[in-house]
Amino acid sequence: MTFPEPCAYRLLTERLELRCYEPEDAEELMEVSARNKDHLARFLSWGLDEPQTIDEKLELIRMWRGQCETEKNFVYRVQRREDPRLIGGTGLHPRPSADGMEIGYWMDQDEGRQGFATELTAALTRFTLEVQGATRVVIKCLPENEASSRIPEKLGFHKDGLLRRDMHWPDEKNRDVVVWTLLPEELPGSPAASAVYEAFDDLGRPLGAEM
């Protein structure tokens, strides 16, 4: 499917900066991902592949950059606005089903319990529903990932239910996932509607809401 426009290459929230990856981010991504292997591999299948080499991370970033440049998929690195260190990742991923947009997220285990994942998810939700005109926002997580489930719950998402064996998991049967959604008409009455952000296109021009 065609990625909804306009596309955000960089977003600012109250405390965070989200931007598309650059090749020079490869070493830091390698280090942070490896350090968080046990934390990530509990709930994210790609965490099982850690640690990876810097060349593997560079190849991954080149793929993400290509997707950004062709406006097919947007994967963002996450940092504090006043601190350039990588503290997590997120993304807006188009889904053919009902032209929805899926949001994924992960945070460095040392950055937990500060509301960062909730903050960035709220901003991305508001942006894609209000500015891009997505028909719905989808969040999926493993049933046992209670911390992840609390995020859509806090933001007013509807718990659609359980998809059995929907998530591929290496060396075993697919795993069940819980699905949460938010529709455009549900946004105004949700906590996500109060998210503040600034979004910018690839030339740095502002898009949508301003802080």
C-alpha atoms as a PDB file:
ATOM      1  CA  MET A   1       0.000   0.000   0.000  1.00  0.00           C
ATOM      2  CA  THR A   2       1.047   3.633  -0.437  1.00  0.00           C
ATOM      3  CA  PHE A   3       2.231   5.292   2.743  1.00  0.00           C
ATOM      4  CA  PRO A   4      -0.191   8.041   3.864  1.00  0.00           C
ATOM      5  CA  GLU A   5       1.042  11.576   3.245  1.00  0.00           C
ATOM      6  CA  PRO A   6       2.465  13.869   4.403  1.00  0.00           C
ATOM      7  CA  CYS A   7       5.350  11.848   5.820  1.00  0.00           C
ATOM      8  CA  ALA A   8       7.247  12.841   8.966  1.00  0.00           C
ATOM      9  CA  TYR A   9      10.983  12.305   8.882  1.00  0.00           C
ATOM     10  CA  ARG A  10      11.441  13.870  12.318  1.00  0.00           C
ATOM     11  CA  LEU A  11       9.123  14.511  15.271  1.00  0.00           C
ATOM     12  CA  LEU A  12       9.530  16.316  18.563  1.00  0.00           C
ATOM     13  CA  THR A  13       7.429  15.572  21.626  1.00  0.00           C
ATOM     14  CA  GLU A  14       7.602  17.287  25.004  1.00  0.00           C
ATOM     15  CA  ARG A  15      10.763  15.408  26.000  1.00  0.00           C
ATOM     16  CA  LEU A  16      11.830  13.358  22.991  1.00  0.00           C
ATOM     17  CA  GLU A  17      13.153  13.574  19.456  1.00  0.00           C
ATOM     18  CA  LEU A  18      12.262  10.915  16.888  1.00  0.00           C
ATOM     19  CA  ARG A  19      14.108  10.822  13.569  1.00  0.00           C
ATOM     20  CA  CYS A  20      14.924   8.436  10.766  1.00  0.00           C
ATOM     21  CA  TYR A  21      18.153   6.512  11.215  1.00  0.00           C
ATOM     22  CA  GLU A  22      21.395   7.544   9.512  1.00  0.00           C
ATOM     23  CA  PRO A  23      24.380   5.265   8.718  1.00  0.00           C
ATOM     24  CA  GLU A  24      26.402   6.908  11.483  1.00  0.00           C
ATOM     25  CA  ASP A  25      23.896   5.541  14.014  1.00  0.00           C
ATOM     26  CA  ALA A  26      24.993   1.945  13.340  1.00  0.00           C
ATOM     27  CA  GLU A  27      27.608   1.630  16.089  1.00  0.00           C
ATOM     28  CA  GLU A  28      25.371   3.083  18.779  1.00  0.00           C
ATOM     29  CA  LEU A  29      22.422   0.920  17.695  1.00  0.00           C
ATOM     30  CA  MET A  30      24.698  -2.137  17.839  1.00  0.00           C
ATOM     31  CA  GLU A  31      25.812  -1.297  21.377  1.00  0.00           C
ATOM     32  CA  VAL A  32      22.393  -0.423  22.783  1.00  0.00           C
ATOM     33  CA  SER A  33      20.664  -3.425  21.203  1.00  0.00           C
ATOM     34  CA  ALA A  34      23.328  -5.831  22.459  1.00  0.00           C
ATOM     35  CA  ARG A  35      23.155  -4.407  25.969  1.00  0.00           C
ATOM     36  CA  ASN A  36      19.383  -4.889  25.968  1.00  0.00           C
ATOM     37  CA  LYS A  37      19.323  -8.397  24.466  1.00  0.00           C
ATOM     38  CA  ASP A  38      17.735 -10.137  27.467  1.00  0.00           C
ATOM     39  CA  HIS A  39      15.251  -7.305  27.899  1.00  0.00           C
ATOM     40  CA  LEU A  40      14.232  -7.238  24.220  1.00  0.00           C
ATOM     41  CA  ALA A  41      14.212 -10.967  23.493  1.00  0.00           C
ATOM     42  CA  ARG A  42      11.456 -11.598  26.039  1.00  0.00           C
ATOM     43  CA  PHE A  43       8.827  -9.931  23.853  1.00  0.00           C
ATOM     44  CA  LEU A  44      10.395  -9.009  20.472  1.00  0.00           C
ATOM     45  CA  SER A  45      11.567 -11.770  18.162  1.00  0.00           C
ATOM     46  CA  TRP A  46      14.285  -9.617  16.599  1.00  0.00           C
ATOM     47  CA  GLY A  47      15.910  -9.367  20.012  1.00  0.00           C
ATOM     48  CA  LEU A  48      16.849 -13.039  19.661  1.00  0.00           C
ATOM     49  CA  ASP A  49      19.256 -12.058  16.873  1.00  0.00           C
ATOM     50  CA  GLU A  50      21.341  -9.880  19.172  1.00  0.00           C
ATOM     51  CA  PRO A  51      24.170  -9.185  19.349  1.00  0.00           C
ATOM     52  CA  GLN A  52      24.753  -8.216  15.735  1.00  0.00           C
ATOM     53  CA  THR A  53      27.851  -6.827  14.071  1.00  0.00           C
ATOM     54  CA  ILE A  54      28.171  -3.213  13.024  1.00  0.00           C
ATOM     55  CA  ASP A  55      27.917  -4.310   9.378  1.00  0.00           C
ATOM     56  CA  GLU A  56      24.618  -6.065  10.100  1.00  0.00           C
ATOM     57  CA  LYS A  57      23.288  -2.931  11.790  1.00  0.00           C
ATOM     58  CA  LEU A  58      24.495  -0.791   8.898  1.00  0.00           C
ATOM     59  CA  GLU A  59      22.658  -3.049   6.438  1.00  0.00           C
ATOM     60  CA  LEU A  60      19.516  -2.775   8.561  1.00  0.00           C
ATOM     61  CA  ILE A  61      19.753   1.007   8.696  1.00  0.00           C
ATOM     62  CA  ARG A  62      20.286   1.191   4.936  1.00  0.00           C
ATOM     63  CA  MET A  63      17.086  -0.820   4.488  1.00  0.00           C
ATOM     64  CA  TRP A  64      15.189   1.515   6.835  1.00  0.00           C
ATOM     65  CA  ARG A  65      16.592   4.567   5.053  1.00  0.00           C
ATOM     66  CA  GLY A  66      15.485   3.160   1.722  1.00  0.00           C
ATOM     67  CA  GLN A  67      11.988   2.625   3.086  1.00  0.00           C
ATOM     68  CA  CYS A  68      11.895   6.197   4.389  1.00  0.00           C
ATOM     69  CA  GLU A  69      13.137   7.647   1.130  1.00  0.00           C
ATOM     70  CA  THR A  70      10.529   5.723  -0.853  1.00  0.00           C
ATOM     71  CA  GLU A  71       7.895   6.580   1.780  1.00  0.00           C
ATOM     72  CA  LYS A  72       6.949   2.942   2.413  1.00  0.00           C
ATOM     73  CA  ASN A  73       7.775   2.573   6.103  1.00  0.00           C
ATOM     74  CA  PHE A  74       9.164   4.837   8.826  1.00  0.00           C
ATOM     75  CA  VAL A  75      11.454   3.507  11.557  1.00  0.00           C
ATOM     76  CA  TYR A  76      12.665   6.111  14.046  1.00  0.00           C
ATOM     77  CA  ARG A  77      15.459   6.237  16.582  1.00  0.00           C
ATOM     78  CA  VAL A  78      14.461   7.854  19.892  1.00  0.00           C
ATOM     79  CA  GLN A  79      16.509  10.222  22.050  1.00  0.00           C
ATOM     80  CA  ARG A  80      15.880  12.930  24.600  1.00  0.00           C
ATOM     81  CA  ARG A  81      15.599  16.395  23.123  1.00  0.00           C
ATOM     82  CA  GLU A  82      18.576  17.635  25.141  1.00  0.00           C
ATOM     83  CA  ASP A  83      20.657  14.443  24.929  1.00  0.00           C
ATOM     84  CA  PRO A  84      21.724  12.774  21.636  1.00  0.00           C
ATOM     85  CA  ARG A  85      22.108   9.275  23.115  1.00  0.00           C
ATOM     86  CA  LEU A  86      19.880   6.537  21.682  1.00  0.00           C
ATOM     87  CA  ILE A  87      17.315   5.389  24.251  1.00  0.00           C
ATOM     88  CA  GLY A  88      14.855   3.417  22.138  1.00  0.00           C
ATOM     89  CA  GLY A  89      13.079   2.945  18.862  1.00  0.00           C
ATOM     90  CA  THR A  90       9.647   3.281  17.345  1.00  0.00           C
ATOM     91  CA  GLY A  91       7.943   3.455  13.980  1.00  0.00           C
ATOM     92  CA  LEU A  92       4.882   4.027  11.848  1.00  0.00           C
ATOM     93  CA  HIS A  93       4.193   0.936   9.759  1.00  0.00           C
ATOM     94  CA  PRO A  94       1.451   0.812   7.080  1.00  0.00           C
ATOM     95  CA  ARG A  95      -0.784  -2.255   7.203  1.00  0.00           C
ATOM     96  CA  PRO A  96      -2.864  -3.336   4.192  1.00  0.00           C
ATOM     97  CA  SER A  97      -5.755  -4.380   6.420  1.00  0.00           C
ATOM     98  CA  ALA A  98      -8.244  -1.471   6.355  1.00  0.00           C
ATOM     99  CA  ASP A  99      -5.401   0.962   5.472  1.00  0.00           C
ATOM    100  CA  GLY A 100      -4.368   1.068   9.115  1.00  0.00           C
ATOM    101  CA  MET A 101      -1.088   2.204  10.632  1.00  0.00           C
ATOM    102  CA  GLU A 102       0.716   0.118  13.234  1.00  0.00           C
ATOM    103  CA  ILE A 103       2.918   1.630  15.931  1.00  0.00           C
ATOM    104  CA  GLY A 104       5.733  -0.358  17.499  1.00  0.00           C
ATOM    105  CA  TYR A 105       8.113   0.708  20.246  1.00  0.00           C
ATOM    106  CA  TRP A 106      10.948  -0.402  22.482  1.00  0.00           C
ATOM    107  CA  MET A 107      12.972   1.383  25.140  1.00  0.00           C
ATOM    108  CA  ASP A 108      16.355   0.844  26.746  1.00  0.00           C
ATOM    109  CA  GLN A 109      15.760  -1.039  29.983  1.00  0.00           C
ATOM    110  CA  ASP A 110      17.512   1.764  31.898  1.00  0.00           C
ATOM    111  CA  GLU A 111      14.966   4.281  30.560  1.00  0.00           C
ATOM    112  CA  GLY A 112      11.840   2.501  31.760  1.00  0.00           C
ATOM    113  CA  ARG A 113       9.089   3.836  34.028  1.00  0.00           C
ATOM    114  CA  GLN A 114       9.441   7.404  32.733  1.00  0.00           C
ATOM    115  CA  GLY A 115       6.501   7.403  30.343  1.00  0.00           C
ATOM    116  CA  PHE A 116       8.627   7.813  27.221  1.00  0.00           C
ATOM    117  CA  ALA A 117       6.938   5.031  25.224  1.00  0.00           C
ATOM    118  CA  THR A 118       3.500   6.395  26.137  1.00  0.00           C
ATOM    119  CA  GLU A 119       4.533   9.908  25.149  1.00  0.00           C
ATOM    120  CA  LEU A 120       5.865   8.969  21.727  1.00  0.00           C
ATOM    121  CA  THR A 121       2.954   6.608  21.012  1.00  0.00           C
ATOM    122  CA  ALA A 122       0.442   9.344  21.799  1.00  0.00           C
ATOM    123  CA  ALA A 123       2.220  11.773  19.470  1.00  0.00           C
ATOM    124  CA  LEU A 124       2.450   9.275  16.607  1.00  0.00           C
ATOM    125  CA  THR A 125      -1.194   8.312  17.087  1.00  0.00           C
ATOM    126  CA  ARG A 126      -2.380  11.884  16.883  1.00  0.00           C
ATOM    127  CA  PHE A 127      -0.142  12.648  13.903  1.00  0.00           C
ATOM    128  CA  THR A 128      -1.184   9.699  11.767  1.00  0.00           C
ATOM    129  CA  LEU A 129      -4.905  10.051  12.499  1.00  0.00           C
ATOM    130  CA  GLU A 130      -5.139  13.833  12.199  1.00  0.00           C
ATOM    131  CA  VAL A 131      -2.508  14.676   9.606  1.00  0.00           C
ATOM    132  CA  GLN A 132      -2.088  11.515   7.546  1.00  0.00           C
ATOM    133  CA  GLY A 133      -5.730  10.499   7.747  1.00  0.00           C
ATOM    134  CA  ALA A 134      -5.101   6.864   8.737  1.00  0.00           C
ATOM    135  CA  THR A 135      -8.290   4.848   9.131  1.00  0.00           C
ATOM    136  CA  ARG A 136      -7.086   3.371  12.408  1.00  0.00           C
ATOM    137  CA  VAL A 137      -4.008   2.891  14.570  1.00  0.00           C
ATOM    138  CA  VAL A 138      -3.019  -0.619  15.605  1.00  0.00           C
ATOM    139  CA  ILE A 139      -0.770  -1.772  18.461  1.00  0.00           C
ATOM    140  CA  LYS A 140       0.093  -5.444  18.951  1.00  0.00           C
ATOM    141  CA  CYS A 141       1.906  -7.051  21.855  1.00  0.00           C
ATOM    142  CA  LEU A 142       2.338 -10.431  23.489  1.00  0.00           C
ATOM    143  CA  PRO A 143      -0.279 -11.168  26.195  1.00  0.00           C
ATOM    144  CA  GLU A 144       2.434 -11.498  28.839  1.00  0.00           C
ATOM    145  CA  ASN A 145       3.917  -8.090  28.001  1.00  0.00           C
ATOM    146  CA  GLU A 146       1.906  -6.178  30.573  1.00  0.00           C
ATOM    147  CA  ALA A 147       4.072  -3.051  30.412  1.00  0.00           C
ATOM    148  CA  SER A 148       3.472  -2.728  26.680  1.00  0.00           C
ATOM    149  CA  SER A 149      -0.273  -3.323  27.011  1.00  0.00           C
ATOM    150  CA  ARG A 150      -0.594  -0.544  29.564  1.00  0.00           C
ATOM    151  CA  ILE A 151       0.386   2.018  26.920  1.00  0.00           C
ATOM    152  CA  PRO A 152      -2.597   1.656  24.546  1.00  0.00           C
ATOM    153  CA  GLU A 153      -4.833   1.141  27.553  1.00  0.00           C
ATOM    154  CA  LYS A 154      -3.730   4.475  29.053  1.00  0.00           C
ATOM    155  CA  LEU A 155      -4.176   6.224  25.704  1.00  0.00           C
ATOM    156  CA  GLY A 156      -7.767   5.126  25.235  1.00  0.00           C
ATOM    157  CA  PHE A 157      -7.273   2.377  22.670  1.00  0.00           C
ATOM    158  CA  HIS A 158      -9.898  -0.339  22.345  1.00  0.00           C
ATOM    159  CA  LYS A 159      -8.783  -3.878  23.146  1.00  0.00           C
ATOM    160  CA  ASP A 160      -9.999  -5.819  20.120  1.00  0.00           C
ATOM    161  CA  GLY A 161      -8.967  -9.220  21.428  1.00  0.00           C
ATOM    162  CA  LEU A 162      -6.480 -12.009  20.924  1.00  0.00           C
ATOM    163  CA  LEU A 163      -5.061 -13.121  17.579  1.00  0.00           C
ATOM    164  CA  ARG A 164      -3.953 -16.695  18.030  1.00  0.00           C
ATOM    165  CA  ARG A 165      -0.520 -17.585  16.666  1.00  0.00           C
ATOM    166  CA  ASP A 166      -0.279 -14.332  14.731  1.00  0.00           C
ATOM    167  CA  MET A 167       3.328 -13.412  15.554  1.00  0.00           C
ATOM    168  CA  HIS A 168       6.186 -15.366  13.996  1.00  0.00           C
ATOM    169  CA  TRP A 169       8.665 -16.628  16.560  1.00  0.00           C
ATOM    170  CA  PRO A 170      11.825 -18.506  15.557  1.00  0.00           C
ATOM    171  CA  ASP A 171      12.124 -22.196  16.405  1.00  0.00           C
ATOM    172  CA  GLU A 172       8.606 -22.561  17.804  1.00  0.00           C
ATOM    173  CA  LYS A 173       4.971 -22.171  16.871  1.00  0.00           C
ATOM    174  CA  ASN A 174       3.769 -18.643  16.251  1.00  0.00           C
ATOM    175  CA  ARG A 175       2.790 -16.728  19.368  1.00  0.00           C
ATOM    176  CA  ASP A 176      -0.533 -15.166  20.295  1.00  0.00           C
ATOM    177  CA  VAL A 177      -0.821 -11.362  20.274  1.00  0.00           C
ATOM    178  CA  VAL A 178      -3.229  -8.901  21.855  1.00  0.00           C
ATOM    179  CA  VAL A 179      -4.548  -6.281  19.421  1.00  0.00           C
ATOM    180  CA  TRP A 180      -5.448  -2.709  20.380  1.00  0.00           C
ATOM    181  CA  THR A 181      -6.936  -0.131  17.993  1.00  0.00           C
ATOM    182  CA  LEU A 182      -7.969   3.517  17.965  1.00  0.00           C
ATOM    183  CA  LEU A 183     -10.232   4.971  15.270  1.00  0.00           C
ATOM    184  CA  PRO A 184     -10.238   8.613  14.087  1.00  0.00           C
ATOM    185  CA  GLU A 185     -13.627   9.342  15.668  1.00  0.00           C
ATOM    186  CA  GLU A 186     -12.346   7.969  18.999  1.00  0.00           C
ATOM    187  CA  LEU A 187      -9.289  10.227  19.110  1.00  0.00           C
ATOM    188  CA  PRO A 188     -10.983  13.439  20.409  1.00  0.00           C
ATOM    189  CA  GLY A 189     -12.238  11.684  23.548  1.00  0.00           C
ATOM    190  CA  SER A 190      -8.989   9.838  24.223  1.00  0.00           C
ATOM    191  CA  PRO A 191      -5.906  10.825  26.268  1.00  0.00           C
ATOM    192  CA  ALA A 192      -3.907  10.619  23.032  1.00  0.00           C
ATOM    193  CA  ALA A 193      -5.689  13.751  21.788  1.00  0.00           C
ATOM    194  CA  SER A 194      -3.765  15.872  24.309  1.00  0.00           C
ATOM    195  CA  ALA A 195      -0.365  14.828  22.946  1.00  0.00           C
ATOM    196  CA  VAL A 196       1.776  17.740  21.823  1.00  0.00           C
ATOM    197  CA  TYR A 197       4.317  17.374  19.053  1.00  0.00           C
ATOM    198  CA  GLU A 198       6.041  18.987  16.117  1.00  0.00           C
ATOM    199  CA  ALA A 199       6.504  17.019  12.900  1.00  0.00           C
ATOM    200  CA  PHE A 200       8.789  17.844   9.968  1.00  0.00           C
ATOM    201  CA  ASP A 201       9.140  16.595   6.400  1.00  0.00           C
ATOM    202  CA  ASP A 202      12.419  15.673   4.710  1.00  0.00           C
ATOM    203  CA  LEU A 203      13.203  19.366   4.081  1.00  0.00           C
ATOM    204  CA  GLY A 204      12.549  20.293   7.711  1.00  0.00           C
ATOM    205  CA  ARG A 205       9.232  21.964   6.978  1.00  0.00           C
ATOM    206  CA  PRO A 206       6.641  21.719   9.754  1.00  0.00           C
ATOM    207  CA  LEU A 207       3.658  19.403   9.413  1.00  0.00           C
ATOM    208  CA  GLY A 208       0.422  19.381  11.408  1.00  0.00           C
ATOM    209  CA  ALA A 209       0.187  20.358  15.065  1.00  0.00           C
ATOM    210  CA  GLU A 210       2.682  22.633  16.784  1.00  0.00           C
ATOM    211  CA  MET A 211       3.747  22.566  20.418  1.00  0.00           C
END
